[in-house]
Amino acid sequence: TYYVSQFGKYIPGKVWVPAMRIAMLRPHGAHPVPVGVTAVYETLTSMAAGGLLAVLFLPTLGILPPEISKNAVLLFAVAALPIGLGVLNKLVARIAAKKRGPDARPLPAPSIFLLAQGLLHGACGYCLLALSLSFTVRGLISNAPEWSTETFAVDLAAVSLSYVAGFVI
């Protein structure tokens, strides 16, 4: 989705989230760089959680060709890429700190623990979305399949895959 900015240019909808947070928090004294970086990391961590769950539970959907199923480790590595970006950010922040003056504001660099915590919270959110899908299906379809860990895994794969694919597209 694209929106027209006040300058008449088209801006992707995903860019508006950090921009809106910066605009909302700036009057309260928040510096735009940490606010923007935080918004981007939150989005990437949420998408990483969904991507990791999608890769883990995709085989339950039964739609993967065998070539992809055999390369699940590679897909898992691609889905974990945002966490790798967090590690890269730490490295860049250290290098930049050495080159900047002692009075320079430190670059934002979330801890690996904080990113892991975000992954866990994101995964819990996707599990709740899958539960919501399960309730919706059972509320709309009278002969829905019995509730089991397998049907929950299918719902989890469907929710996480569709959410992440929608974000990417």
Foldseek 3Di string as FASTA:
>chain_A
DWDQDPVRDTDDPLQVQLVVQLVVCVVVPDDSQVSSVVSVLLVLLLLLLLQLLLLVLVVLLVPDDPVVVVVSVVSNVVSCVSLVVLVVVVVVQVVVCVVDDPPDDGHDRDDSVVSVVSSVVSNVVLLVVLVVVVVVCVVPDVCDDDDDVSSSSNSSNVSSVVVSVVVVD
